[in-house]
N, C-alpha and C. Protein backbone atom coordinates (compact mmCIF):
# COMPACT_ATOMS: atom_id res chain seq x y z
N MET A 1 -15.47 -26.86 19.90
CA MET A 1 -14.61 -26.28 18.90
C MET A 1 -13.38 -27.17 18.76
N ILE A 2 -12.85 -27.17 17.55
CA ILE A 2 -11.73 -28.05 17.23
C ILE A 2 -10.67 -27.29 16.44
N VAL A 3 -9.48 -27.84 16.43
CA VAL A 3 -8.40 -27.33 15.59
C VAL A 3 -8.56 -28.00 14.23
N ILE A 4 -8.54 -27.20 13.15
CA ILE A 4 -8.57 -27.80 11.82
C ILE A 4 -7.21 -27.58 11.16
N LEU A 5 -6.83 -28.59 10.38
CA LEU A 5 -5.51 -28.62 9.74
C LEU A 5 -5.68 -29.06 8.29
N PRO A 6 -4.70 -28.71 7.44
CA PRO A 6 -4.72 -29.29 6.09
C PRO A 6 -4.64 -30.81 6.20
N SER A 7 -5.30 -31.52 5.31
CA SER A 7 -5.37 -32.98 5.42
C SER A 7 -4.01 -33.66 5.28
N ASP A 8 -3.03 -32.96 4.69
CA ASP A 8 -1.70 -33.56 4.54
C ASP A 8 -0.70 -33.07 5.60
N HIS A 9 -1.19 -32.38 6.62
CA HIS A 9 -0.31 -31.87 7.68
C HIS A 9 0.20 -33.04 8.53
N PRO A 10 1.44 -32.96 9.03
CA PRO A 10 1.97 -34.05 9.87
C PRO A 10 1.12 -34.37 11.10
N LEU A 11 0.37 -33.40 11.62
CA LEU A 11 -0.48 -33.64 12.79
C LEU A 11 -1.90 -34.09 12.41
N ALA A 12 -2.16 -34.23 11.12
CA ALA A 12 -3.52 -34.49 10.64
C ALA A 12 -4.10 -35.82 11.11
N THR A 13 -3.27 -36.76 11.47
CA THR A 13 -3.78 -38.07 11.89
C THR A 13 -3.99 -38.17 13.39
N ARG A 14 -3.69 -37.12 14.10
CA ARG A 14 -3.79 -37.12 15.57
C ARG A 14 -5.21 -36.78 16.02
N GLU A 15 -5.67 -37.43 17.07
CA GLU A 15 -6.96 -37.10 17.68
C GLU A 15 -6.85 -35.84 18.52
N GLU A 16 -5.70 -35.68 19.19
CA GLU A 16 -5.46 -34.52 20.04
C GLU A 16 -4.07 -33.98 19.76
N ILE A 17 -3.93 -32.66 19.94
CA ILE A 17 -2.61 -32.05 19.88
C ILE A 17 -2.39 -31.26 21.16
N SER A 18 -1.14 -31.14 21.55
CA SER A 18 -0.81 -30.42 22.78
C SER A 18 -0.73 -28.92 22.50
N PHE A 19 -0.73 -28.14 23.57
CA PHE A 19 -0.56 -26.70 23.41
C PHE A 19 0.80 -26.41 22.78
N ALA A 20 1.83 -27.16 23.16
CA ALA A 20 3.16 -26.97 22.58
C ALA A 20 3.11 -27.16 21.06
N GLU A 21 2.34 -28.15 20.60
CA GLU A 21 2.19 -28.37 19.16
C GLU A 21 1.37 -27.26 18.52
N LEU A 22 0.34 -26.79 19.21
CA LEU A 22 -0.46 -25.69 18.69
C LEU A 22 0.41 -24.46 18.45
N LYS A 23 1.34 -24.21 19.35
CA LYS A 23 2.21 -23.04 19.22
C LYS A 23 3.11 -23.11 17.99
N THR A 24 3.31 -24.30 17.43
CA THR A 24 4.16 -24.42 16.24
C THR A 24 3.38 -24.14 14.95
N LEU A 25 2.06 -24.03 15.05
CA LEU A 25 1.22 -23.83 13.87
C LEU A 25 1.04 -22.36 13.55
N LYS A 26 0.94 -22.06 12.27
CA LYS A 26 0.54 -20.73 11.82
C LYS A 26 -0.99 -20.73 11.87
N MET A 27 -1.56 -19.88 12.73
CA MET A 27 -3.00 -19.90 12.94
C MET A 27 -3.69 -18.80 12.16
N LEU A 28 -4.83 -19.15 11.58
CA LEU A 28 -5.68 -18.20 10.87
C LEU A 28 -6.92 -17.95 11.70
N GLY A 29 -7.28 -16.70 11.81
CA GLY A 29 -8.50 -16.34 12.52
C GLY A 29 -9.62 -16.04 11.55
N GLY A 30 -10.82 -16.01 12.09
CA GLY A 30 -11.98 -15.63 11.29
C GLY A 30 -12.22 -14.14 11.39
N GLU A 31 -13.46 -13.78 11.27
CA GLU A 31 -13.81 -12.36 11.33
C GLU A 31 -13.43 -11.77 12.68
N ARG A 32 -12.96 -10.54 12.65
CA ARG A 32 -12.67 -9.85 13.90
C ARG A 32 -13.95 -9.77 14.73
N GLY A 33 -13.80 -10.03 16.02
CA GLY A 33 -14.96 -9.97 16.90
C GLY A 33 -15.82 -11.22 16.85
N SER A 34 -15.35 -12.27 16.16
CA SER A 34 -16.16 -13.49 16.05
C SER A 34 -16.19 -14.30 17.33
N GLY A 35 -15.26 -14.04 18.22
CA GLY A 35 -15.28 -14.73 19.50
C GLY A 35 -14.22 -15.80 19.66
N THR A 36 -13.62 -16.27 18.57
CA THR A 36 -12.62 -17.33 18.69
C THR A 36 -11.39 -16.84 19.45
N GLY A 37 -10.96 -15.62 19.16
CA GLY A 37 -9.82 -15.05 19.88
C GLY A 37 -10.10 -14.93 21.36
N THR A 38 -11.30 -14.48 21.70
CA THR A 38 -11.70 -14.38 23.10
C THR A 38 -11.75 -15.75 23.75
N LEU A 39 -12.27 -16.72 23.01
CA LEU A 39 -12.33 -18.09 23.51
C LEU A 39 -10.94 -18.62 23.83
N LEU A 40 -9.99 -18.41 22.92
CA LEU A 40 -8.62 -18.86 23.16
C LEU A 40 -8.02 -18.17 24.36
N THR A 41 -8.24 -16.87 24.47
CA THR A 41 -7.70 -16.12 25.60
C THR A 41 -8.26 -16.67 26.91
N GLU A 42 -9.55 -16.96 26.94
CA GLU A 42 -10.16 -17.50 28.16
C GLU A 42 -9.64 -18.90 28.46
N ALA A 43 -9.49 -19.74 27.44
CA ALA A 43 -9.06 -21.12 27.65
C ALA A 43 -7.57 -21.22 28.00
N LEU A 44 -6.76 -20.38 27.36
CA LEU A 44 -5.32 -20.50 27.51
C LEU A 44 -4.70 -19.48 28.47
N GLY A 45 -5.48 -18.46 28.82
CA GLY A 45 -4.95 -17.43 29.70
C GLY A 45 -3.78 -16.71 29.04
N PRO A 46 -2.75 -16.37 29.81
CA PRO A 46 -1.61 -15.64 29.25
C PRO A 46 -0.88 -16.39 28.14
N GLN A 47 -1.01 -17.73 28.13
CA GLN A 47 -0.35 -18.52 27.08
C GLN A 47 -0.92 -18.24 25.69
N ALA A 48 -2.12 -17.66 25.62
CA ALA A 48 -2.73 -17.37 24.33
C ALA A 48 -1.84 -16.46 23.49
N GLU A 49 -1.05 -15.63 24.14
CA GLU A 49 -0.15 -14.73 23.42
C GLU A 49 0.94 -15.50 22.68
N ASP A 50 1.19 -16.75 23.06
CA ASP A 50 2.22 -17.57 22.42
C ASP A 50 1.74 -18.20 21.11
N VAL A 51 0.43 -18.11 20.82
CA VAL A 51 -0.11 -18.68 19.59
C VAL A 51 0.25 -17.75 18.43
N ASP A 52 0.77 -18.31 17.36
CA ASP A 52 1.23 -17.54 16.20
C ASP A 52 0.07 -17.31 15.22
N THR A 53 -0.70 -16.26 15.47
CA THR A 53 -1.81 -15.93 14.59
C THR A 53 -1.28 -15.05 13.47
N ILE A 54 -1.38 -15.55 12.24
CA ILE A 54 -0.80 -14.83 11.11
C ILE A 54 -1.79 -13.91 10.42
N GLY A 55 -3.06 -13.98 10.78
CA GLY A 55 -4.03 -13.07 10.19
C GLY A 55 -5.45 -13.57 10.29
N ASN A 56 -6.36 -12.68 9.94
CA ASN A 56 -7.79 -12.99 9.89
C ASN A 56 -8.21 -13.01 8.43
N VAL A 57 -8.96 -14.02 8.04
CA VAL A 57 -9.32 -14.15 6.64
C VAL A 57 -10.81 -13.94 6.36
N GLY A 58 -11.60 -13.64 7.35
CA GLY A 58 -13.01 -13.36 7.10
C GLY A 58 -13.92 -14.45 7.62
N SER A 59 -14.80 -14.91 6.77
CA SER A 59 -15.84 -15.85 7.16
C SER A 59 -15.28 -17.24 7.47
N THR A 60 -16.12 -18.06 8.08
CA THR A 60 -15.74 -19.45 8.35
C THR A 60 -15.42 -20.17 7.05
N GLU A 61 -16.17 -19.89 6.00
CA GLU A 61 -15.90 -20.52 4.70
C GLU A 61 -14.51 -20.15 4.20
N ALA A 62 -14.13 -18.89 4.35
CA ALA A 62 -12.79 -18.45 3.93
C ALA A 62 -11.71 -19.12 4.78
N VAL A 63 -11.97 -19.28 6.07
CA VAL A 63 -11.03 -19.96 6.95
C VAL A 63 -10.85 -21.41 6.48
N LYS A 64 -11.96 -22.11 6.22
CA LYS A 64 -11.89 -23.50 5.79
C LYS A 64 -11.09 -23.65 4.50
N ARG A 65 -11.36 -22.78 3.54
CA ARG A 65 -10.66 -22.85 2.25
C ARG A 65 -9.17 -22.55 2.41
N SER A 66 -8.86 -21.57 3.26
CA SER A 66 -7.45 -21.21 3.49
C SER A 66 -6.69 -22.34 4.16
N VAL A 67 -7.32 -22.99 5.13
CA VAL A 67 -6.68 -24.12 5.80
C VAL A 67 -6.51 -25.28 4.82
N ALA A 68 -7.53 -25.58 4.04
CA ALA A 68 -7.45 -26.67 3.06
C ALA A 68 -6.34 -26.41 2.04
N ALA A 69 -6.09 -25.13 1.74
CA ALA A 69 -5.04 -24.77 0.79
C ALA A 69 -3.64 -24.80 1.41
N GLY A 70 -3.57 -25.07 2.71
CA GLY A 70 -2.28 -25.20 3.37
C GLY A 70 -1.70 -23.90 3.91
N LEU A 71 -2.54 -22.87 4.04
CA LEU A 71 -2.04 -21.58 4.51
C LEU A 71 -1.87 -21.51 6.02
N GLY A 72 -2.44 -22.45 6.74
CA GLY A 72 -2.34 -22.44 8.20
C GLY A 72 -3.35 -23.38 8.80
N ALA A 73 -3.58 -23.21 10.09
CA ALA A 73 -4.56 -23.99 10.84
C ALA A 73 -5.53 -23.00 11.47
N SER A 74 -6.60 -23.49 12.06
CA SER A 74 -7.54 -22.60 12.72
C SER A 74 -8.33 -23.38 13.77
N ILE A 75 -9.16 -22.65 14.48
CA ILE A 75 -10.08 -23.24 15.45
C ILE A 75 -11.48 -22.81 15.05
N VAL A 76 -12.34 -23.80 14.85
CA VAL A 76 -13.70 -23.52 14.39
C VAL A 76 -14.68 -24.44 15.11
N LEU A 77 -15.96 -24.14 14.95
CA LEU A 77 -17.00 -25.04 15.46
C LEU A 77 -16.96 -26.34 14.66
N GLU A 78 -17.00 -27.44 15.36
CA GLU A 78 -16.94 -28.74 14.69
C GLU A 78 -18.07 -28.91 13.69
N THR A 79 -19.24 -28.40 14.00
CA THR A 79 -20.37 -28.54 13.09
C THR A 79 -20.13 -27.82 11.77
N ALA A 80 -19.26 -26.82 11.75
CA ALA A 80 -19.00 -26.06 10.53
C ALA A 80 -18.12 -26.81 9.54
N VAL A 81 -17.46 -27.87 9.99
CA VAL A 81 -16.52 -28.58 9.11
C VAL A 81 -16.81 -30.08 8.98
N ARG A 82 -17.98 -30.50 9.39
CA ARG A 82 -18.29 -31.94 9.32
C ARG A 82 -18.15 -32.49 7.91
N GLY A 83 -18.65 -31.76 6.93
CA GLY A 83 -18.56 -32.21 5.54
C GLY A 83 -17.13 -32.32 5.05
N GLU A 84 -16.33 -31.32 5.37
CA GLU A 84 -14.92 -31.32 4.94
C GLU A 84 -14.11 -32.41 5.64
N ILE A 85 -14.43 -32.68 6.90
CA ILE A 85 -13.76 -33.76 7.63
C ILE A 85 -14.14 -35.10 6.99
N ALA A 86 -15.43 -35.27 6.71
CA ALA A 86 -15.91 -36.53 6.12
C ALA A 86 -15.30 -36.76 4.73
N SER A 87 -15.14 -35.68 3.95
CA SER A 87 -14.59 -35.82 2.60
C SER A 87 -13.07 -35.93 2.58
N GLY A 88 -12.44 -35.60 3.71
CA GLY A 88 -10.98 -35.67 3.78
C GLY A 88 -10.26 -34.42 3.33
N SER A 89 -11.01 -33.35 3.03
CA SER A 89 -10.33 -32.12 2.60
C SER A 89 -9.73 -31.35 3.77
N LEU A 90 -10.19 -31.64 4.99
CA LEU A 90 -9.62 -31.06 6.21
C LEU A 90 -9.45 -32.17 7.24
N ALA A 91 -8.52 -31.94 8.16
CA ALA A 91 -8.33 -32.84 9.30
C ALA A 91 -8.67 -32.07 10.57
N ARG A 92 -9.03 -32.79 11.62
CA ARG A 92 -9.39 -32.14 12.87
C ARG A 92 -8.65 -32.78 14.03
N ALA A 93 -8.45 -31.97 15.08
CA ALA A 93 -7.85 -32.47 16.31
C ALA A 93 -8.40 -31.66 17.47
N ARG A 94 -8.51 -32.29 18.59
CA ARG A 94 -8.90 -31.57 19.81
C ARG A 94 -7.63 -31.05 20.46
N LEU A 95 -7.78 -29.99 21.25
CA LEU A 95 -6.66 -29.43 21.99
C LEU A 95 -6.57 -30.17 23.31
N GLU A 96 -5.49 -30.89 23.51
CA GLU A 96 -5.29 -31.77 24.66
C GLU A 96 -5.48 -31.03 25.99
N GLY A 97 -6.38 -31.56 26.81
CA GLY A 97 -6.58 -31.02 28.15
C GLY A 97 -7.30 -29.69 28.22
N MET A 98 -7.77 -29.20 27.08
CA MET A 98 -8.44 -27.89 27.07
C MET A 98 -9.69 -27.96 26.21
N PRO A 99 -10.81 -28.31 26.81
CA PRO A 99 -12.04 -28.31 26.01
C PRO A 99 -12.39 -26.88 25.60
N LEU A 100 -12.53 -26.67 24.32
CA LEU A 100 -12.88 -25.35 23.81
C LEU A 100 -14.37 -25.35 23.51
N ARG A 101 -15.11 -24.56 24.23
CA ARG A 101 -16.55 -24.49 24.04
C ARG A 101 -16.95 -23.04 23.83
N LYS A 102 -17.80 -22.84 22.85
CA LYS A 102 -18.31 -21.52 22.56
C LYS A 102 -19.75 -21.46 23.05
N GLN A 103 -20.08 -20.39 23.73
CA GLN A 103 -21.42 -20.26 24.29
C GLN A 103 -22.29 -19.43 23.36
N PHE A 104 -23.48 -19.92 23.10
CA PHE A 104 -24.45 -19.22 22.27
C PHE A 104 -25.69 -18.94 23.10
N PHE A 105 -26.38 -17.88 22.74
CA PHE A 105 -27.65 -17.54 23.38
C PHE A 105 -28.72 -17.55 22.30
N ILE A 106 -29.86 -18.11 22.63
CA ILE A 106 -30.97 -18.20 21.69
C ILE A 106 -32.17 -17.48 22.28
N ALA A 107 -32.77 -16.61 21.49
CA ALA A 107 -34.01 -15.96 21.89
C ALA A 107 -35.08 -16.39 20.89
N GLN A 108 -36.27 -16.61 21.38
CA GLN A 108 -37.34 -17.03 20.49
C GLN A 108 -38.66 -16.45 20.94
N ILE A 109 -39.54 -16.30 19.97
CA ILE A 109 -40.92 -15.92 20.26
C ILE A 109 -41.66 -17.23 20.51
N THR A 110 -42.34 -17.33 21.62
CA THR A 110 -42.96 -18.59 22.02
C THR A 110 -43.82 -19.19 20.92
N SER A 111 -44.61 -18.40 20.24
CA SER A 111 -45.51 -18.94 19.22
C SER A 111 -44.76 -19.56 18.04
N SER A 112 -43.51 -19.13 17.79
CA SER A 112 -42.77 -19.68 16.65
C SER A 112 -41.99 -20.94 17.01
N ALA A 113 -41.97 -21.30 18.27
CA ALA A 113 -41.13 -22.42 18.71
C ALA A 113 -41.81 -23.78 18.59
N GLU A 114 -43.09 -23.79 18.27
CA GLU A 114 -43.81 -25.05 18.32
C GLU A 114 -43.77 -25.85 17.03
N THR A 115 -43.78 -25.19 15.88
CA THR A 115 -43.81 -25.91 14.61
C THR A 115 -42.98 -25.17 13.57
N GLY A 116 -42.77 -25.84 12.45
CA GLY A 116 -42.14 -25.22 11.31
C GLY A 116 -40.64 -25.08 11.41
N PRO A 117 -40.08 -24.29 10.50
CA PRO A 117 -38.63 -24.13 10.41
C PRO A 117 -37.99 -23.60 11.70
N ALA A 118 -38.65 -22.68 12.37
CA ALA A 118 -38.08 -22.14 13.61
C ALA A 118 -37.94 -23.23 14.66
N ALA A 119 -38.92 -24.10 14.76
CA ALA A 119 -38.86 -25.19 15.74
C ALA A 119 -37.74 -26.16 15.40
N ARG A 120 -37.57 -26.46 14.10
CA ARG A 120 -36.49 -27.37 13.70
C ARG A 120 -35.12 -26.75 13.97
N LEU A 121 -34.98 -25.46 13.69
CA LEU A 121 -33.72 -24.77 13.96
C LEU A 121 -33.42 -24.77 15.46
N PHE A 122 -34.41 -24.45 16.26
CA PHE A 122 -34.22 -24.41 17.71
C PHE A 122 -33.80 -25.79 18.22
N LYS A 123 -34.46 -26.84 17.74
CA LYS A 123 -34.12 -28.21 18.16
C LYS A 123 -32.69 -28.56 17.74
N PHE A 124 -32.32 -28.21 16.50
CA PHE A 124 -30.97 -28.48 16.01
C PHE A 124 -29.93 -27.78 16.87
N LEU A 125 -30.15 -26.52 17.19
CA LEU A 125 -29.19 -25.76 17.99
C LEU A 125 -29.03 -26.34 19.39
N LEU A 126 -30.12 -26.78 19.97
CA LEU A 126 -30.05 -27.36 21.31
C LEU A 126 -29.32 -28.71 21.32
N GLU A 127 -29.39 -29.44 20.21
CA GLU A 127 -28.76 -30.76 20.15
C GLU A 127 -27.32 -30.72 19.66
N SER A 128 -26.87 -29.59 19.13
CA SER A 128 -25.51 -29.48 18.59
C SER A 128 -24.49 -29.41 19.70
N ASP A 129 -23.28 -29.84 19.39
CA ASP A 129 -22.17 -29.78 20.36
C ASP A 129 -21.78 -28.36 20.64
């Protein structure tokens, strides 16, 4: 997971930002219960309360559009913003000294795992960051 910023933000050219810098950002969350808030709490401990979350805007797509419009910053899965990073509509930074990783669980029916779309999806998920 990475911090996303508007492409014209002063921190947009940085590879990493510190927690002190993160605290200066207006943060946008995704859907309630999406897990990002829990992830931050686990990664930052009591310091998570120091993050200025200004609201939840819904889906990841809504978060991306809101950040691109300059309404704030957010933390999302890197795979969700690859296109926007490549096009320059969003900037990304890692949180210095704090790898943010989201854990996913995959269940599959054995017969569907060998060929076809299910097999390709399963392979993609296993190879993703």
